[in-house]
């Protein structure tokens, strides 16, 4: 058993090192929602100051902080805005002069995770961009988020799940009571700390400001606020049920288990993914089945160690129902992973996939250990073999260690966007809206990155009525890279819609785009602007 203990110690060290490496890698890809387009575009030069700024995101968001930094470095808070699902329309200051400005934004996405960024644009002509401190990773806040998340999981699964198991498997036996109570306390403190660190992260401020009321109100206004309320409810009900006995205690422990499962269904990556009718129930079932399995380990192991009279009956009941629990857990987990990852190569190419691979490796070891317990140790223990009972207790302790390592791995998902988000970013369009008194044109490049793309062109009159043209030609150039103008004729796809397929754009950056619109044999309109093509 010393060899087994040493092996688990080495495994724990390797997993911690792997998770630290993944967490460092995830620092570069922190965003969860993403900015799809902006008006004005990043890097654009406009003739006159815009009356509004428009930010369009990949999913619904809620603004946390909006400001405009002028060429002289002074900042103007932007407090008037309209929120329409994924679009934020911001009222612009009326006294902007010429030069380069920075629109700085920070929002929280529907999964409860904050993101931020900037849009740089110039009025009249470009000037030296105002100095702005780049957002640096606050490792104190990040460590607080990670540890509070880990503590929350310990409380929900080992604490609340342990209370349920004590009343439904051990019928109120005192075995494991102290461990379960400690887990509930850890979870309660973790949930409280998680709210504070969520607020710090949302506002982008340091840990020294955690006592400020705005930090806590901001956190509770995000989707994580619902998770915190449900978790607090679960902990309080479980704490009441822990020392109680009888039918009321069992019902209370069931309510606590349901509340804990609801808690993790209200925020996070998986709960906000589509389709919602599938993902939220899958999260609920995944959490509930983990609680049923993991919550039984400590009470059952300690009951066997103490030779509790209820231990053997509880072991028999656990062995009978846990296979069905694992089937539901695996099916729900597969659904969640399939939606979040989407493509197999994302398992190796993204931080989210790498965390999932670590979790799967740990789960594989956990399943092997559980199978060994069931097929090699359970029957001898039920037959009264004390040596087998001691081995089973040690094996259950090893299972609990692996479970805690899995909690640590899953906590890292707080800092990694799912592969589905990254794939959506890879195929998002680049667009530019060009207008004159005579005509307007919307040019969209899909995907908005280098390589082979499709271009759609929508035409309208100056009065925003559909414009029926005779011919449309797109002209692209990139003078700063020595790429001279090249033309592509568009094919009609609707009354005012035109399309060009399989255009090869070789370089990322700012491109000059021009649309030559032949309205009839005697009238031609030319519209030109810039478009940003991503890498």
Protein backbone atom coordinates (compact mmCIF):
# COMPACT_ATOMS: atom_id res chain seq x y z
CA UNK A 1 0.00 0.00 0.00
CA UNK A 2 3.03 2.31 0.45
CA UNK A 3 3.71 1.81 -3.26
CA UNK A 4 0.11 2.70 -4.11
CA UNK A 5 0.29 5.80 -1.91
CA UNK A 6 3.55 6.85 -3.56
CA UNK A 7 2.02 6.35 -7.02
CA UNK A 8 -0.97 8.54 -6.16
CA UNK A 9 1.39 11.20 -4.76
CA UNK A 10 3.33 11.24 -8.02
CA UNK A 11 0.07 11.33 -9.98
CA UNK A 12 -1.13 14.30 -7.93
CA UNK A 13 2.11 16.17 -8.58
CA UNK A 14 1.98 15.50 -12.32
CA UNK A 15 -1.63 16.64 -12.52
CA UNK A 16 -0.91 19.84 -10.59
CA UNK A 17 2.02 20.62 -12.91
CA UNK A 18 -0.14 19.94 -15.98
CA UNK A 19 -2.96 22.12 -14.69
CA UNK A 20 -0.54 24.97 -13.92
CA UNK A 21 0.79 24.76 -17.47
CA UNK A 22 -2.70 24.79 -18.92
CA UNK A 23 -3.67 27.71 -16.70
CA UNK A 24 -0.64 29.70 -17.94
CA UNK A 25 -1.62 28.89 -21.53
CA UNK A 26 -5.22 29.86 -20.85
CA UNK A 27 -4.12 33.32 -19.74
CA UNK A 28 -3.64 34.26 -23.37
CA UNK A 29 -7.14 33.14 -24.33
CA UNK A 30 -9.26 34.42 -21.50
CA UNK A 31 -12.26 35.67 -23.47
CA UNK A 32 -15.55 33.76 -23.39
CA UNK A 33 -17.87 35.92 -25.43
CA UNK A 34 -16.15 37.93 -28.15
CA UNK A 35 -16.51 41.17 -30.05
CA UNK A 36 -17.65 40.34 -33.58
CA UNK A 37 -17.83 43.80 -35.14
CA UNK A 38 -17.67 47.44 -34.15
CA UNK A 39 -18.71 50.75 -35.65
CA UNK A 40 -16.36 52.45 -36.20
CA UNK A 41 -14.09 49.52 -36.96
CA UNK A 42 -10.86 48.99 -35.11
CA UNK A 43 -8.17 50.97 -36.95
CA UNK A 44 -10.64 52.97 -39.04
CA UNK A 45 -10.17 56.62 -40.02
CA UNK A 46 -13.49 58.49 -40.23
CA UNK A 47 -14.13 61.93 -41.66
CA UNK A 48 -16.40 63.13 -38.88
CA UNK A 49 -16.91 62.05 -35.28
CA UNK A 50 -19.54 59.28 -34.98
CA UNK A 51 -22.77 60.08 -33.15
CA UNK A 52 -22.95 56.53 -31.76
CA UNK A 53 -20.62 53.60 -31.25
CA UNK A 54 -21.94 50.10 -31.95
CA UNK A 55 -20.41 46.94 -30.46
CA UNK A 56 -21.74 43.58 -31.66
CA UNK A 57 -20.78 40.48 -29.66
CA UNK A 58 -20.98 36.75 -30.27
CA UNK A 59 -23.53 36.30 -27.47
CA UNK A 60 -25.67 38.53 -25.21
CA UNK A 61 -23.65 40.71 -22.82
CA UNK A 62 -24.16 43.29 -20.07
CA UNK A 63 -21.86 46.36 -20.02
CA UNK A 64 -19.74 46.87 -16.92
CA UNK A 65 -17.50 49.77 -17.96
CA UNK A 66 -17.47 51.94 -21.09
CA UNK A 67 -15.13 54.87 -21.66
CA UNK A 68 -13.50 56.85 -24.44
CA UNK A 69 -9.85 57.90 -24.19
CA UNK A 70 -9.09 61.04 -26.22
CA UNK A 71 -5.80 61.77 -28.02
CA UNK A 72 -4.53 63.76 -25.01
CA UNK A 73 -5.06 60.74 -22.73
CA UNK A 74 -8.10 62.04 -20.85
CA UNK A 75 -10.93 59.55 -20.37
CA UNK A 76 -14.64 60.18 -20.81
CA UNK A 77 -17.05 57.73 -19.14
CA UNK A 78 -19.80 56.60 -21.52
CA UNK A 79 -22.88 56.12 -19.40
CA UNK A 80 -25.66 56.34 -22.01
CA UNK A 81 -26.17 53.17 -24.02
CA UNK A 82 -28.88 50.84 -25.32
CA UNK A 83 -28.55 47.09 -24.94
CA UNK A 84 -30.22 44.92 -27.58
CA UNK A 85 -29.33 41.27 -27.03
CA UNK A 86 -25.84 40.99 -28.56
CA UNK A 87 -25.58 44.65 -29.65
CA UNK A 88 -24.53 47.60 -27.47
CA UNK A 89 -25.30 51.03 -28.96
CA UNK A 90 -23.39 53.76 -27.10
CA UNK A 91 -24.11 57.50 -27.27
CA UNK A 92 -20.90 59.28 -28.32
CA UNK A 93 -19.60 62.59 -26.92
CA UNK A 94 -20.35 65.56 -29.17
CA UNK A 95 -17.12 67.50 -28.71
CA UNK A 96 -14.53 65.14 -30.17
CA UNK A 97 -11.66 66.70 -32.08
CA UNK A 98 -9.39 65.22 -34.71
CA UNK A 99 -6.91 62.50 -33.81
CA UNK A 100 -6.82 58.92 -32.56
CA UNK A 101 -9.28 57.81 -29.89
CA UNK A 102 -9.67 54.56 -27.95
CA UNK A 103 -13.09 53.13 -27.09
CA UNK A 104 -12.46 50.91 -24.06
CA UNK A 105 -15.15 48.44 -23.05
CA UNK A 106 -15.69 45.78 -20.41
CA UNK A 107 -18.78 43.54 -20.35
CA UNK A 108 -19.96 40.34 -18.74
CA UNK A 109 -21.16 37.51 -20.96
CA UNK A 110 -24.14 35.26 -20.30
CA UNK A 111 -21.94 32.58 -18.74
CA UNK A 112 -21.03 35.10 -16.02
CA UNK A 113 -17.46 35.69 -17.18
CA UNK A 114 -16.22 39.25 -17.80
CA UNK A 115 -14.30 40.27 -20.92
CA UNK A 116 -12.79 43.54 -22.06
CA UNK A 117 -11.10 45.18 -25.01
CA UNK A 118 -10.59 48.37 -26.99
CA UNK A 119 -11.45 49.77 -30.40
CA UNK A 120 -8.97 52.30 -31.81
CA UNK A 121 -10.24 54.77 -34.41
CA UNK A 122 -9.24 58.18 -35.72
CA UNK A 123 -11.28 61.25 -36.59
CA UNK A 124 -9.99 63.21 -39.59
CA UNK A 125 -6.48 61.78 -39.48
CA UNK A 126 -4.52 59.41 -37.30
CA UNK A 127 -2.35 60.75 -34.49
CA UNK A 128 -0.29 59.19 -31.75
CA UNK A 129 -2.60 56.79 -29.90
CA UNK A 130 -3.27 57.82 -26.29
CA UNK A 131 -1.31 55.86 -23.72
CA UNK A 132 -3.29 53.14 -22.01
CA UNK A 133 -2.05 50.60 -19.51
CA UNK A 134 -2.56 47.16 -21.01
CA UNK A 135 -4.68 44.86 -18.94
CA UNK A 136 -2.37 42.60 -16.99
CA UNK A 137 -3.44 39.35 -15.45
CA UNK A 138 -4.05 39.86 -11.75
CA UNK A 139 -2.73 36.57 -10.43
CA UNK A 140 -4.08 37.22 -6.92
CA UNK A 141 -7.62 37.54 -8.28
CA UNK A 142 -7.11 34.59 -10.59
CA UNK A 143 -5.81 32.40 -7.77
CA UNK A 144 -8.77 33.49 -5.64
CA UNK A 145 -11.19 32.53 -8.40
CA UNK A 146 -9.56 29.12 -8.82
CA UNK A 147 -9.40 28.27 -5.11
CA UNK A 148 -12.90 29.55 -4.36
CA UNK A 149 -14.26 27.50 -7.25
CA UNK A 150 -12.47 24.42 -5.92
CA UNK A 151 -13.88 25.05 -2.43
CA UNK A 152 -17.37 25.50 -3.89
CA UNK A 153 -17.13 22.11 -5.63
CA UNK A 154 -15.94 20.42 -2.42
CA UNK A 155 -18.95 21.85 -0.59
CA UNK A 156 -21.50 20.97 -3.26
CA UNK A 157 -20.32 17.45 -4.05
CA UNK A 158 -18.64 16.13 -0.91
CA UNK A 159 -20.68 18.24 1.54
CA UNK A 160 -24.21 18.31 0.13
CA UNK A 161 -23.76 14.91 -1.53
CA UNK A 162 -22.42 13.54 1.75
CA UNK A 163 -25.49 14.73 3.68
CA UNK A 164 -27.73 13.02 1.15
CA UNK A 165 -25.75 9.78 1.38
CA UNK A 166 -25.79 9.76 5.19
CA UNK A 167 -29.57 9.87 5.23
CA UNK A 168 -30.36 7.70 2.22
CA UNK A 169 -27.55 5.10 2.40
CA UNK A 170 -26.53 5.05 6.06
CA UNK A 171 -29.95 6.04 7.43
CA UNK A 172 -28.59 8.79 9.69
CA UNK A 173 -25.46 7.03 10.98
CA UNK A 174 -22.90 9.40 12.51
CA UNK A 175 -20.11 8.03 10.31
CA UNK A 176 -18.53 10.77 8.23
CA UNK A 177 -20.48 13.52 9.98
CA UNK A 178 -17.41 15.65 10.78
CA UNK A 179 -15.95 15.31 7.30
CA UNK A 180 -19.26 16.23 5.68
CA UNK A 181 -19.70 19.20 8.03
CA UNK A 182 -16.17 20.39 7.21
CA UNK A 183 -16.92 20.10 3.48
CA UNK A 184 -20.08 22.16 3.92
CA UNK A 185 -18.10 24.82 5.77
CA UNK A 186 -15.45 24.90 3.05
CA UNK A 187 -18.14 25.17 0.41
CA UNK A 188 -19.93 28.00 2.20
CA UNK A 189 -16.70 29.99 2.54
CA UNK A 190 -15.83 29.16 -1.06
CA UNK A 191 -19.17 30.41 -2.34
CA UNK A 192 -18.78 33.64 -0.38
CA UNK A 193 -15.23 34.16 -1.64
CA UNK A 194 -16.29 33.29 -5.20
CA UNK A 195 -18.81 36.14 -5.18
CA UNK A 196 -16.14 38.61 -4.09
CA UNK A 197 -13.56 37.46 -6.62
CA UNK A 198 -16.21 37.35 -9.35
CA UNK A 199 -16.91 41.03 -8.65
CA UNK A 200 -13.20 41.90 -8.67
CA UNK A 201 -12.75 40.12 -11.97
CA UNK A 202 -15.84 41.70 -13.51
CA UNK A 203 -14.65 45.21 -12.68
CA UNK A 204 -11.00 44.47 -13.43
CA UNK A 205 -9.82 45.77 -10.04
CA UNK A 206 -7.29 44.45 -7.52
CA UNK A 207 -7.97 42.25 -4.50
CA UNK A 208 -7.49 45.25 -2.17
CA UNK A 209 -10.92 46.51 -3.25
CA UNK A 210 -12.81 43.37 -2.28
CA UNK A 211 -14.47 45.16 0.66
CA UNK A 212 -16.16 47.73 -1.58
CA UNK A 213 -19.94 47.22 -1.95
CA UNK A 214 -19.84 47.78 -5.73
CA UNK A 215 -17.68 44.67 -6.09
CA UNK A 216 -20.33 42.47 -4.47
CA UNK A 217 -23.31 44.12 -6.18
CA UNK A 218 -21.60 43.74 -9.55
CA UNK A 219 -20.95 40.05 -8.93
CA UNK A 220 -24.54 39.38 -7.90
CA UNK A 221 -25.78 41.17 -11.04
CA UNK A 222 -24.01 38.60 -13.24
CA UNK A 223 -25.38 35.12 -13.91
CA UNK A 224 -23.07 33.83 -11.17
CA UNK A 225 -25.33 35.64 -8.70
CA UNK A 226 -28.01 33.00 -9.27
CA UNK A 227 -25.45 30.25 -8.77
CA UNK A 228 -24.33 31.81 -5.47
CA UNK A 229 -27.91 32.09 -4.16
CA UNK A 230 -28.74 28.48 -5.07
CA UNK A 231 -25.45 27.26 -3.56
CA UNK A 232 -26.04 29.17 -0.30
CA UNK A 233 -29.52 27.65 -0.17
CA UNK A 234 -28.13 24.16 -0.69
CA UNK A 235 -25.51 24.62 2.05
CA UNK A 236 -28.00 26.00 4.58
CA UNK A 237 -30.58 23.27 3.96
CA UNK A 238 -27.86 20.59 4.06
CA UNK A 239 -26.50 22.00 7.35
CA UNK A 240 -29.98 21.78 8.87
CA UNK A 241 -30.46 18.23 7.59
CA UNK A 242 -27.03 16.98 8.72
CA UNK A 243 -27.81 16.44 12.46
CA UNK A 244 -31.51 15.76 11.93
CA UNK A 245 -33.15 12.35 11.74
CA UNK A 246 -36.14 10.74 10.15
CA UNK A 247 -38.19 11.50 7.09
CA UNK A 248 -37.84 15.28 7.32
CA UNK A 249 -34.04 14.96 7.29
CA UNK A 250 -34.18 12.79 4.19
CA UNK A 251 -36.47 15.23 2.39
CA UNK A 252 -34.27 18.16 3.41
CA UNK A 253 -31.16 16.41 2.08
CA UNK A 254 -32.99 15.78 -1.20
CA UNK A 255 -33.91 19.47 -1.46
CA UNK A 256 -30.28 20.40 -0.81
CA UNK A 257 -29.11 18.01 -3.54
CA UNK A 258 -31.56 19.50 -6.04
CA UNK A 259 -30.52 23.06 -5.10
CA UNK A 260 -26.83 22.21 -5.55
CA UNK A 261 -27.54 20.76 -9.00
CA UNK A 262 -29.54 23.84 -9.96
CA UNK A 263 -26.71 26.09 -8.75
CA UNK A 264 -24.22 24.90 -11.37
CA UNK A 265 -26.93 24.93 -14.06
CA UNK A 266 -27.42 28.69 -13.77
CA UNK A 267 -24.01 29.91 -14.97
CA UNK A 268 -20.88 28.73 -16.70
CA UNK A 269 -19.90 27.66 -20.20
CA UNK A 270 -22.14 24.63 -20.60
CA UNK A 271 -25.28 26.17 -19.14
CA UNK A 272 -25.26 29.02 -21.68
CA UNK A 273 -24.57 26.89 -24.75
CA UNK A 274 -27.25 26.04 -27.29
CA UNK A 275 -29.60 24.24 -27.37
CA UNK A 276 -30.67 25.37 -23.91
CA UNK A 277 -33.41 22.73 -23.61
CA UNK A 278 -30.68 20.07 -23.76
CA UNK A 279 -27.69 21.71 -22.09
CA UNK A 280 -29.21 22.91 -18.81
CA UNK A 281 -30.86 19.51 -18.03
CA UNK A 282 -27.59 17.80 -18.99
CA UNK A 283 -25.66 20.01 -16.55
CA UNK A 284 -28.26 19.33 -13.84
CA UNK A 285 -28.08 15.55 -14.30
CA UNK A 286 -24.29 15.59 -14.53
CA UNK A 287 -24.00 17.50 -11.26
CA UNK A 288 -26.64 15.42 -9.48
CA UNK A 289 -25.05 12.09 -10.42
CA UNK A 290 -21.58 13.30 -9.39
CA UNK A 291 -23.04 14.29 -6.01
CA UNK A 292 -24.67 10.87 -5.59
CA UNK A 293 -21.41 9.07 -6.35
CA UNK A 294 -18.81 11.34 -4.78
CA UNK A 295 -20.96 12.26 -1.78
CA UNK A 296 -21.17 8.60 -0.73
CA UNK A 297 -17.40 8.00 -0.66
CA UNK A 298 -16.38 9.68 2.62
CA UNK A 299 -19.37 8.51 4.74
CA UNK A 300 -19.13 4.99 3.36
CA UNK A 301 -15.36 4.74 3.77
CA UNK A 302 -15.46 6.05 7.35
CA UNK A 303 -18.38 3.75 8.22
CA UNK A 304 -16.33 0.75 7.03
CA UNK A 305 -13.30 1.97 8.95
CA UNK A 306 -15.33 2.32 12.16
CA UNK A 307 -17.03 -1.04 11.52
CA UNK A 308 -20.36 0.75 11.74
CA UNK A 309 -23.27 -1.74 11.89
CA UNK A 310 -24.90 0.10 8.98
CA UNK A 311 -21.74 -0.03 6.82
CA UNK A 312 -22.33 -3.36 5.07
CA UNK A 313 -25.97 -2.60 4.28
CA UNK A 314 -24.95 0.81 2.94
CA UNK A 315 -22.21 -0.79 0.82
CA UNK A 316 -24.75 -3.20 -0.65
CA UNK A 317 -27.16 -0.41 -1.51
CA UNK A 318 -24.37 1.71 -3.00
CA UNK A 319 -23.13 -1.17 -5.17
CA UNK A 320 -26.66 -1.77 -6.42
CA UNK A 321 -27.53 1.76 -7.54
CA UNK A 322 -24.16 3.31 -8.52
CA UNK A 323 -23.97 1.59 -11.98
CA UNK A 324 -27.18 3.36 -13.01
CA UNK A 325 -25.83 6.64 -11.65
CA UNK A 326 -22.64 6.23 -13.70
CA UNK A 327 -24.60 5.57 -16.89
CA UNK A 328 -26.50 8.85 -16.51
CA UNK A 329 -23.28 10.67 -15.54
CA UNK A 330 -21.42 9.41 -18.61
CA UNK A 331 -24.26 10.16 -21.05
CA UNK A 332 -24.77 13.68 -19.68
CA UNK A 333 -21.00 14.30 -19.67
CA UNK A 334 -20.68 13.11 -23.27
CA UNK A 335 -23.44 15.49 -24.38
CA UNK A 336 -21.76 18.43 -22.64
CA UNK A 337 -18.33 17.60 -24.05
CA UNK A 338 -19.66 17.06 -27.58
CA UNK A 339 -21.38 20.46 -27.68
CA UNK A 340 -18.48 22.33 -26.08
CA UNK A 341 -15.63 20.76 -28.09
CA UNK A 342 -17.36 20.24 -31.47
CA UNK A 343 -14.20 19.05 -33.27
CA UNK A 344 -11.81 16.30 -32.04
CA UNK A 345 -8.67 18.31 -32.86
CA UNK A 346 -9.82 20.97 -30.39
CA UNK A 347 -8.98 18.51 -27.59
CA UNK A 348 -5.28 19.13 -28.29
CA UNK A 349 -5.33 22.60 -29.85
CA UNK A 350 -7.26 24.53 -27.18
CA UNK A 351 -6.75 25.05 -23.47
CA UNK A 352 -10.35 23.98 -22.84
CA UNK A 353 -9.72 20.70 -24.66
CA UNK A 354 -6.48 20.13 -22.76
CA UNK A 355 -8.26 20.57 -19.44
CA UNK A 356 -10.90 18.13 -20.65
CA UNK A 357 -8.20 15.61 -21.56
CA UNK A 358 -6.71 15.89 -18.05
CA UNK A 359 -10.18 15.43 -16.57
CA UNK A 360 -10.83 12.38 -18.78
CA UNK A 361 -7.50 10.81 -17.82
CA UNK A 362 -8.33 11.25 -14.13
CA UNK A 363 -11.86 9.91 -14.69
CA UNK A 364 -10.45 6.87 -16.47
CA UNK A 365 -8.26 6.12 -13.46
CA UNK A 366 -11.21 6.74 -11.15
CA UNK A 367 -13.44 4.35 -13.11
CA UNK A 368 -10.76 1.64 -13.08
CA UNK A 369 -10.38 2.00 -9.33
CA UNK A 370 -14.16 1.92 -8.83
CA UNK A 371 -14.46 -1.22 -10.96
CA UNK A 372 -11.67 -2.90 -9.00
CA UNK A 373 -13.44 -2.03 -5.77
CA UNK A 374 -16.73 -3.44 -7.02
CA UNK A 375 -15.47 -6.69 -8.55
CA UNK A 376 -12.54 -7.55 -6.26
CA UNK A 377 -13.27 -6.07 -2.83
CA UNK A 378 -17.01 -5.58 -2.34
CA UNK A 379 -17.99 -9.26 -2.11
CA UNK A 380 -15.17 -10.20 0.33
CA UNK A 381 -16.08 -7.20 2.49
CA UNK A 382 -19.75 -8.22 2.46
CA UNK A 383 -18.59 -11.68 3.53
CA UNK A 384 -16.88 -10.19 6.59
CA UNK A 385 -13.19 -10.17 5.55
CA UNK A 386 -11.52 -7.43 7.61
CA UNK A 387 -8.40 -7.31 5.44
CA UNK A 388 -10.51 -6.61 2.36
CA UNK A 389 -12.44 -3.96 4.30
CA UNK A 390 -9.19 -2.14 5.15
CA UNK A 391 -8.08 -2.30 1.52
CA UNK A 392 -11.45 -0.95 0.41
CA UNK A 393 -11.19 1.95 2.87
CA UNK A 394 -7.77 2.86 1.48
CA UNK A 395 -9.07 2.55 -2.07
CA UNK A 396 -12.01 4.84 -1.28
CA UNK A 397 -9.51 7.37 0.10
CA UNK A 398 -7.61 7.16 -3.19
CA UNK A 399 -10.86 7.69 -5.11
CA UNK A 400 -11.53 10.82 -3.03
CA UNK A 401 -8.05 12.15 -3.83
CA UNK A 402 -8.63 11.69 -7.55
CA UNK A 403 -12.03 13.39 -7.23
CA UNK A 404 -10.41 16.45 -5.64
CA UNK A 405 -7.87 16.55 -8.49
CA UNK A 406 -10.76 16.45 -10.96
CA UNK A 407 -12.35 19.39 -9.13
CA UNK A 408 -9.07 21.27 -9.56
CA UNK A 409 -9.03 20.50 -13.28
CA UNK A 410 -12.65 21.58 -13.77
CA UNK A 411 -11.95 24.82 -11.87
CA UNK A 412 -9.49 25.76 -14.62
CA UNK A 413 -12.40 25.96 -17.08
CA UNK A 414 -13.20 29.31 -15.49
CA UNK A 415 -10.27 30.70 -17.51
CA UNK A 416 -10.65 28.84 -20.81
CA UNK A 417 -13.18 29.59 -23.56
CA UNK A 418 -14.89 26.45 -24.91
CA UNK A 419 -13.81 25.21 -28.31
CA UNK A 420 -17.25 26.11 -29.72
CA UNK A 421 -16.54 29.78 -28.90
CA UNK A 422 -13.13 29.68 -30.57
CA UNK A 423 -14.61 28.00 -33.64
CA UNK A 424 -17.29 30.70 -33.79
CA UNK A 425 -14.55 33.33 -33.66
CA UNK A 426 -12.74 31.60 -36.51
CA UNK A 427 -15.75 31.88 -38.83
CA UNK A 428 -17.12 35.27 -37.82
CA UNK A 429 -17.47 37.70 -40.74
CA UNK A 430 -15.59 40.91 -41.39
CA UNK A 431 -17.87 43.66 -42.63
CA UNK A 432 -17.92 47.28 -43.66
CA UNK A 433 -20.87 49.57 -44.32
CA UNK A 434 -20.17 52.25 -46.95
CA UNK A 435 -22.66 54.97 -47.82
CA UNK A 436 -22.96 58.03 -50.02
CA UNK A 437 -25.89 60.26 -50.90
CA UNK A 438 -26.70 58.07 -53.90
CA UNK A 439 -26.10 54.55 -52.62
CA UNK A 440 -25.21 52.37 -49.65
CA UNK A 441 -23.39 49.06 -49.66
CA UNK A 442 -22.77 46.43 -46.97
CA UNK A 443 -19.77 44.22 -47.75
CA UNK A 444 -19.35 41.06 -45.63
CA UNK A 445 -16.38 38.70 -45.84
CA UNK A 446 -17.03 35.23 -44.43
CA UNK A 447 -14.99 34.08 -42.62
CA UNK A 448 -13.29 37.35 -41.78
CA UNK A 449 -9.77 35.94 -41.91
CA UNK A 450 -7.02 35.16 -44.40
CA UNK A 451 -7.49 32.36 -46.89
CA UNK A 452 -10.34 31.43 -49.18
CA UNK A 453 -13.48 33.43 -48.35
CA UNK A 454 -16.93 34.26 -49.70
CA UNK A 455 -18.03 37.87 -50.11
CA UNK A 456 -21.64 39.07 -49.95
CA UNK A 457 -22.68 42.55 -51.07
CA UNK A 458 -26.01 44.18 -50.22
CA UNK A 459 -27.04 47.34 -52.08
CA UNK A 460 -29.41 50.12 -51.04
CA UNK A 461 -30.26 53.63 -52.16
CA UNK A 462 -29.44 56.69 -50.09
CA UNK A 463 -32.98 56.41 -48.69
CA UNK A 464 -32.24 52.82 -47.54
CA UNK A 465 -34.41 51.24 -50.25
CA UNK A 466 -33.21 48.11 -52.10
CA UNK A 467 -31.06 49.09 -55.09
CA UNK A 468 -31.34 47.02 -58.27
CA UNK A 469 -28.03 47.31 -60.12
CA UNK A 470 -26.88 46.00 -63.46
CA UNK A 471 -23.35 45.01 -62.44
CA UNK A 472 -21.26 44.98 -59.27
CA UNK A 473 -17.48 44.67 -59.10
CA UNK A 474 -15.41 44.37 -55.93
CA UNK A 475 -11.89 45.82 -55.88
CA UNK A 476 -9.44 44.90 -53.10
CA UNK A 477 -5.95 46.25 -52.44
CA UNK A 478 -3.40 46.50 -49.63
CA UNK A 479 -0.93 49.27 -50.50
CA UNK A 480 1.10 48.97 -47.29
CA UNK A 481 1.97 45.37 -48.24
CA UNK A 482 2.53 46.10 -51.93
CA UNK A 483 -0.66 44.39 -53.10
CA UNK A 484 -2.09 46.32 -56.03
CA UNK A 485 -5.85 46.43 -56.68
CA UNK A 486 -7.45 43.26 -58.03
CA UNK A 487 -11.03 42.95 -59.20
CA UNK A 488 -13.71 40.29 -58.78
CA UNK A 489 -17.08 40.43 -60.54
CA UNK A 490 -20.07 39.65 -58.30
CA UNK A 491 -22.99 37.41 -59.26
CA UNK A 492 -26.55 38.39 -58.44
CA UNK A 493 -28.16 36.33 -55.65
CA UNK A 494 -31.25 38.51 -55.03
CA UNK A 495 -32.87 41.79 -56.00
CA UNK A 496 -30.24 43.80 -54.11
CA UNK A 497 -27.87 41.02 -53.05
CA UNK A 498 -24.68 39.99 -54.82
CA UNK A 499 -22.12 37.32 -54.04
CA UNK A 500 -18.53 36.40 -54.89
CA UNK A 501 -17.33 32.92 -53.99
CA UNK A 502 -13.83 31.64 -53.28
CA UNK A 503 -11.85 34.85 -53.12
CA UNK A 504 -8.32 34.30 -51.83
CA UNK A 505 -7.15 36.93 -49.30
CA UNK A 506 -3.45 36.26 -48.58
CA UNK A 507 -2.66 38.66 -45.72
CA UNK A 508 -4.25 39.84 -42.50
CA UNK A 509 -4.63 43.51 -41.70
CA UNK A 510 -6.38 46.57 -43.13
CA UNK A 511 -7.49 46.24 -46.75
CA UNK A 512 -8.83 48.93 -49.06
CA UNK A 513 -12.21 47.82 -50.42
CA UNK A 514 -14.08 49.43 -53.29
CA UNK A 515 -17.45 48.54 -54.78
CA UNK A 516 -18.09 49.65 -58.37
CA UNK A 517 -21.86 49.61 -58.88
CA UNK A 518 -23.20 49.99 -62.41
CA UNK A 519 -26.78 51.07 -61.86
CA UNK A 520 -27.62 51.35 -65.57
CA UNK A 521 -25.86 52.04 -68.85
CA UNK A 522 -25.47 55.71 -67.97
CA UNK A 523 -24.94 55.76 -64.19
CA UNK A 524 -22.17 54.25 -62.07
CA UNK A 525 -21.47 54.66 -58.35
CA UNK A 526 -18.15 53.95 -56.64
CA UNK A 527 -17.99 53.38 -52.88
CA UNK A 528 -14.75 52.79 -50.97
CA UNK A 529 -13.59 52.24 -47.41
CA UNK A 530 -11.39 49.93 -45.31
CA UNK A 531 -12.04 46.46 -43.93
CA UNK A 532 -10.10 44.55 -41.25
CA UNK A 533 -9.16 40.95 -42.13
CA UNK A 534 -8.10 38.76 -39.22
CA UNK A 535 -5.25 36.22 -39.13
